[in-house]
């Protein structure tokens, strides 16, 4: 019995998985980028820009 070539459903499933992986990867990069921007804009006390220092 000869080995059969890959079925069409496997190719479609692989392309869907690849698309979903790229979307999830883009979401992770977006959240990471927003976190870096938010953390880097804080002052030494953790206050956002424009916040009055209460002492």
PDB file of N, CA and C in Angstrom:
ATOM      1  N   UNK A   1       0.843  -1.178   0.000  1.00  0.00           N
ATOM      2  CA  UNK A   1       0.000   0.000   0.000  1.00  0.00           C
ATOM      3  C   UNK A   1       0.891   1.246   0.000  1.00  0.00           C
ATOM      4  N   UNK A   2       0.629   2.150  -0.892  1.00  0.00           N
ATOM      5  CA  UNK A   2       1.433   3.367  -1.014  1.00  0.00           C
ATOM      6  C   UNK A   2       1.021   4.393   0.049  1.00  0.00           C
ATOM      7  N   UNK A   3       1.978   5.220   0.435  1.00  0.00           N
ATOM      8  CA  UNK A   3       1.690   6.299   1.382  1.00  0.00           C
ATOM      9  C   UNK A   3       0.907   7.376   0.648  1.00  0.00           C
ATOM     10  N   UNK A   4      -0.225   7.755   1.222  1.00  0.00           N
ATOM     11  CA  UNK A   4      -1.077   8.757   0.574  1.00  0.00           C
ATOM     12  C   UNK A   4      -0.574  10.164   0.876  1.00  0.00           C
ATOM     13  N   UNK A   5      -0.742  11.088  -0.068  1.00  0.00           N
ATOM     14  CA  UNK A   5      -0.344  12.476   0.190  1.00  0.00           C
ATOM     15  C   UNK A   5      -1.242  13.090   1.267  1.00  0.00           C
ATOM     16  N   UNK A   6      -0.784  14.192   1.802  1.00  0.00           N
ATOM     17  CA  UNK A   6      -1.519  14.880   2.864  1.00  0.00           C
ATOM     18  C   UNK A   6      -2.916  15.274   2.389  1.00  0.00           C
ATOM     19  N   UNK A   7      -3.888  15.060   3.215  1.00  0.00           N
ATOM     20  CA  UNK A   7      -5.264  15.374   2.865  1.00  0.00           C
ATOM     21  C   UNK A   7      -5.487  16.882   2.901  1.00  0.00           C
ATOM     22  N   UNK A   8      -6.483  17.346   2.163  1.00  0.00           N
ATOM     23  CA  UNK A   8      -6.756  18.783   2.066  1.00  0.00           C
ATOM     24  C   UNK A   8      -7.116  19.388   3.426  1.00  0.00           C
ATOM     25  N   UNK A   9      -7.828  18.634   4.248  1.00  0.00           N
ATOM     26  CA  UNK A   9      -8.251  19.173   5.548  1.00  0.00           C
ATOM     27  C   UNK A   9      -7.041  19.506   6.419  1.00  0.00           C
ATOM     28  N   UNK A  10      -5.955  18.764   6.275  1.00  0.00           N
ATOM     29  CA  UNK A  10      -4.760  19.051   7.059  1.00  0.00           C
ATOM     30  C   UNK A  10      -4.107  20.357   6.613  1.00  0.00           C
ATOM     31  N   UNK A  11      -4.110  20.602   5.308  1.00  0.00           N
ATOM     32  CA  UNK A  11      -3.557  21.875   4.809  1.00  0.00           C
ATOM     33  C   UNK A  11      -4.386  23.051   5.290  1.00  0.00           C
ATOM     34  N   UNK A  12      -5.723  22.906   5.256  1.00  0.00           N
ATOM     35  CA  UNK A  12      -6.583  24.007   5.713  1.00  0.00           C
ATOM     36  C   UNK A  12      -6.421  24.236   7.213  1.00  0.00           C
ATOM     37  N   UNK A  13      -6.342  23.160   7.967  1.00  0.00           N
ATOM     38  CA  UNK A  13      -6.181  23.288   9.419  1.00  0.00           C
ATOM     39  C   UNK A  13      -4.848  23.966   9.747  1.00  0.00           C
ATOM     40  N   UNK A  14      -3.781  23.592   9.012  1.00  0.00           N
ATOM     41  CA  UNK A  14      -2.467  24.197   9.259  1.00  0.00           C
ATOM     42  C   UNK A  14      -2.499  25.689   8.956  1.00  0.00           C
ATOM     43  N   UNK A  15      -3.156  26.099   7.879  1.00  0.00           N
ATOM     44  CA  UNK A  15      -3.200  27.522   7.543  1.00  0.00           C
ATOM     45  C   UNK A  15      -4.019  28.299   8.566  1.00  0.00           C
ATOM     46  N   UNK A  16      -5.095  27.695   9.081  1.00  0.00           N
ATOM     47  CA  UNK A  16      -5.866  28.362  10.140  1.00  0.00           C
ATOM     48  C   UNK A  16      -5.039  28.498  11.414  1.00  0.00           C
ATOM     49  N   UNK A  17      -4.326  27.442  11.755  1.00  0.00           N
ATOM     50  CA  UNK A  17      -3.482  27.500  12.952  1.00  0.00           C
ATOM     51  C   UNK A  17      -2.391  28.552  12.798  1.00  0.00           C
ATOM     52  N   UNK A  18      -1.816  28.653  11.620  1.00  0.00           N
ATOM     53  CA  UNK A  18      -0.790  29.660  11.373  1.00  0.00           C
ATOM     54  C   UNK A  18      -1.372  31.067  11.512  1.00  0.00           C
ATOM     55  N   UNK A  19      -2.542  31.298  10.944  1.00  0.00           N
ATOM     56  CA  UNK A  19      -3.190  32.604  11.052  1.00  0.00           C
ATOM     57  C   UNK A  19      -3.505  32.961  12.491  1.00  0.00           C
ATOM     58  N   UNK A  20      -4.035  32.006  13.242  1.00  0.00           N
ATOM     59  CA  UNK A  20      -4.349  32.254  14.647  1.00  0.00           C
ATOM     60  C   UNK A  20      -3.083  32.517  15.449  1.00  0.00           C
ATOM     61  N   UNK A  21      -2.022  31.790  15.153  1.00  0.00           N
ATOM     62  CA  UNK A  21      -0.750  32.018  15.843  1.00  0.00           C
ATOM     63  C   UNK A  21      -0.203  33.410  15.578  1.00  0.00           C
ATOM     64  N   UNK A  22      -0.323  33.876  14.329  1.00  0.00           N
ATOM     65  CA  UNK A  22       0.144  35.227  14.003  1.00  0.00           C
ATOM     66  C   UNK A  22      -0.689  36.287  14.710  1.00  0.00           C
ATOM     67  N   UNK A  23      -2.005  36.085  14.789  1.00  0.00           N
ATOM     68  CA  UNK A  23      -2.871  37.038  15.488  1.00  0.00           C
ATOM     69  C   UNK A  23      -2.535  37.080  16.972  1.00  0.00           C
ATOM     70  N   UNK A  24      -2.351  35.927  17.583  1.00  0.00           N
ATOM     71  CA  UNK A  24      -2.004  35.885  19.006  1.00  0.00           C
ATOM     72  C   UNK A  24      -0.632  36.510  19.259  1.00  0.00           C
ATOM     73  N   UNK A  25       0.309  36.247  18.372  1.00  0.00           N
ATOM     74  CA  UNK A  25       1.638  36.848  18.497  1.00  0.00           C
ATOM     75  C   UNK A  25       1.570  38.367  18.389  1.00  0.00           C
ATOM     76  N   UNK A  26       0.762  38.878  17.462  1.00  0.00           N
ATOM     77  CA  UNK A  26       0.603  40.324  17.317  1.00  0.00           C
ATOM     78  C   UNK A  26      -0.032  40.924  18.565  1.00  0.00           C
ATOM     79  N   UNK A  27      -0.989  40.220  19.164  1.00  0.00           N
ATOM     80  CA  UNK A  27      -1.626  40.709  20.396  1.00  0.00           C
ATOM     81  C   UNK A  27      -0.613  40.776  21.539  1.00  0.00           C
ATOM     82  N   UNK A  28       0.221  39.762  21.659  1.00  0.00           N
ATOM     83  CA  UNK A  28       1.247  39.753  22.715  1.00  0.00           C
ATOM     84  C   UNK A  28       2.213  40.918  22.521  1.00  0.00           C
ATOM     85  N   UNK A  29       2.637  41.157  21.278  1.00  0.00           N
ATOM     86  CA  UNK A  29       3.551  42.265  20.996  1.00  0.00           C
ATOM     87  C   UNK A  29       2.883  43.595  21.315  1.00  0.00           C
ATOM     88  N   UNK A  30       1.598  43.735  20.989  1.00  0.00           N
ATOM     89  CA  UNK A  30       0.866  44.971  21.289  1.00  0.00           C
ATOM     90  C   UNK A  30       0.788  45.223  22.792  1.00  0.00           C
ATOM     91  N   UNK A  31       0.417  44.211  23.559  1.00  0.00           N
ATOM     92  CA  UNK A  31       0.313  44.370  25.021  1.00  0.00           C
ATOM     93  C   UNK A  31       1.684  44.661  25.613  1.00  0.00           C
ATOM     94  N   UNK A  32       2.725  43.986  25.145  1.00  0.00           N
ATOM     95  CA  UNK A  32       4.080  44.228  25.641  1.00  0.00           C
ATOM     96  C   UNK A  32       4.508  45.661  25.332  1.00  0.00           C
ATOM     97  N   UNK A  33       4.250  46.124  24.123  1.00  0.00           N
ATOM     98  CA  UNK A  33       4.604  47.495  23.748  1.00  0.00           C
ATOM     99  C   UNK A  33       3.873  48.523  24.587  1.00  0.00           C
ATOM    100  N   UNK A  34       2.576  48.319  24.811  1.00  0.00           N
ATOM    101  CA  UNK A  34       1.818  49.257  25.643  1.00  0.00           C
ATOM    102  C   UNK A  34       2.336  49.261  27.075  1.00  0.00           C
ATOM    103  N   UNK A  35       2.716  48.105  27.576  1.00  0.00           N
ATOM    104  CA  UNK A  35       3.264  48.023  28.938  1.00  0.00           C
ATOM    105  C   UNK A  35       4.581  48.784  29.031  1.00  0.00           C
ATOM    106  N   UNK A  36       5.448  48.620  28.060  1.00  0.00           N
ATOM    107  CA  UNK A  36       6.736  49.320  28.064  1.00  0.00           C
ATOM    108  C   UNK A  36       6.515  50.832  28.018  1.00  0.00           C
ATOM    109  N   UNK A  37       5.601  51.286  27.179  1.00  0.00           N
ATOM    110  CA  UNK A  37       5.322  52.725  27.086  1.00  0.00           C
ATOM    111  C   UNK A  37       4.771  53.244  28.401  1.00  0.00           C
ATOM    112  N   UNK A  38       3.838  52.509  29.011  1.00  0.00           N
ATOM    113  CA  UNK A  38       3.243  52.966  30.276  1.00  0.00           C
ATOM    114  C   UNK A  38       4.285  53.015  31.388  1.00  0.00           C
ATOM    115  N   UNK A  39       5.129  52.014  31.493  1.00  0.00           N
ATOM    116  CA  UNK A  39       6.132  51.982  32.554  1.00  0.00           C
ATOM    117  C   UNK A  39       7.200  53.045  32.326  1.00  0.00           C
ATOM    118  N   UNK A  40       7.593  53.264  31.102  1.00  0.00           N
ATOM    119  CA  UNK A  40       8.671  54.214  30.834  1.00  0.00           C
ATOM    120  C   UNK A  40       8.224  55.665  31.010  1.00  0.00           C
ATOM    121  N   UNK A  41       6.938  55.928  31.015  1.00  0.00           N
ATOM    122  CA  UNK A  41       6.448  57.304  31.162  1.00  0.00           C
ATOM    123  C   UNK A  41       6.222  57.691  32.621  1.00  0.00           C
ATOM    124  N   UNK A  42       6.429  56.782  33.566  1.00  0.00           N
ATOM    125  CA  UNK A  42       6.243  57.095  34.976  1.00  0.00           C
ATOM    126  C   UNK A  42       7.487  57.780  35.532  1.00  0.00           C
ATOM    127  N   UNK A  43       7.269  58.581  36.587  1.00  0.00           N
ATOM    128  CA  UNK A  43       8.422  59.186  37.246  1.00  0.00           C
ATOM    129  C   UNK A  43       8.988  58.201  38.275  1.00  0.00           C
ATOM    130  N   UNK A  44       9.929  58.669  39.075  1.00  0.00           N
ATOM    131  CA  UNK A  44      10.597  57.761  40.013  1.00  0.00           C
ATOM    132  C   UNK A  44       9.678  57.249  41.123  1.00  0.00           C
ATOM    133  N   UNK A  45       8.519  57.910  41.321  1.00  0.00           N
ATOM    134  CA  UNK A  45       7.570  57.468  42.352  1.00  0.00           C
ATOM    135  C   UNK A  45       6.431  56.646  41.758  1.00  0.00           C
ATOM    136  N   UNK A  46       6.433  56.428  40.458  1.00  0.00           N
ATOM    137  CA  UNK A  46       5.396  55.644  39.818  1.00  0.00           C
ATOM    138  C   UNK A  46       4.199  56.458  39.375  1.00  0.00           C
ATOM    139  N   UNK A  47       4.323  57.790  39.442  1.00  0.00           N
ATOM    140  CA  UNK A  47       3.212  58.645  39.041  1.00  0.00           C
ATOM    141  C   UNK A  47       3.219  58.859  37.524  1.00  0.00           C
ATOM    142  N   UNK A  48       2.023  58.911  36.913  1.00  0.00           N
ATOM    143  CA  UNK A  48       1.962  59.179  35.482  1.00  0.00           C
ATOM    144  C   UNK A  48       2.337  60.623  35.190  1.00  0.00           C
ATOM    145  N   UNK A  49       2.641  60.960  33.947  1.00  0.00           N
ATOM    146  CA  UNK A  49       3.001  62.338  33.624  1.00  0.00           C
ATOM    147  C   UNK A  49       1.850  63.294  33.901  1.00  0.00           C
ATOM    148  N   UNK A  50       2.165  64.453  34.453  1.00  0.00           N
ATOM    149  CA  UNK A  50       1.161  65.464  34.756  1.00  0.00           C
ATOM    150  C   UNK A  50       0.522  65.325  36.122  1.00  0.00           C
ATOM    151  N   UNK A  51       0.843  64.269  36.853  1.00  0.00           N
ATOM    152  CA  UNK A  51       0.265  64.084  38.183  1.00  0.00           C
ATOM    153  C   UNK A  51       1.040  64.923  39.186  1.00  0.00           C
ATOM    154  N   UNK A  52       0.312  65.557  40.082  1.00  0.00           N
ATOM    155  CA  UNK A  52       0.949  66.354  41.127  1.00  0.00           C
ATOM    156  C   UNK A  52       1.530  65.422  42.183  1.00  0.00           C
ATOM    157  N   UNK A  53       2.709  65.736  42.649  1.00  0.00           N
ATOM    158  CA  UNK A  53       3.341  64.963  43.706  1.00  0.00           C
ATOM    159  C   UNK A  53       2.735  65.371  45.029  1.00  0.00           C
ATOM    160  N   UNK A  54       2.121  64.421  45.707  1.00  0.00           N
ATOM    161  CA  UNK A  54       1.495  64.724  47.016  1.00  0.00           C
ATOM    162  C   UNK A  54       2.462  64.338  48.130  1.00  0.00           C
ATOM    163  N   UNK A  55       2.906  65.366  48.883  1.00  0.00           N
ATOM    164  CA  UNK A  55       3.832  65.091  49.979  1.00  0.00           C
ATOM    165  C   UNK A  55       3.370  65.763  51.237  1.00  0.00           C
TER     166      UNK A  55
END
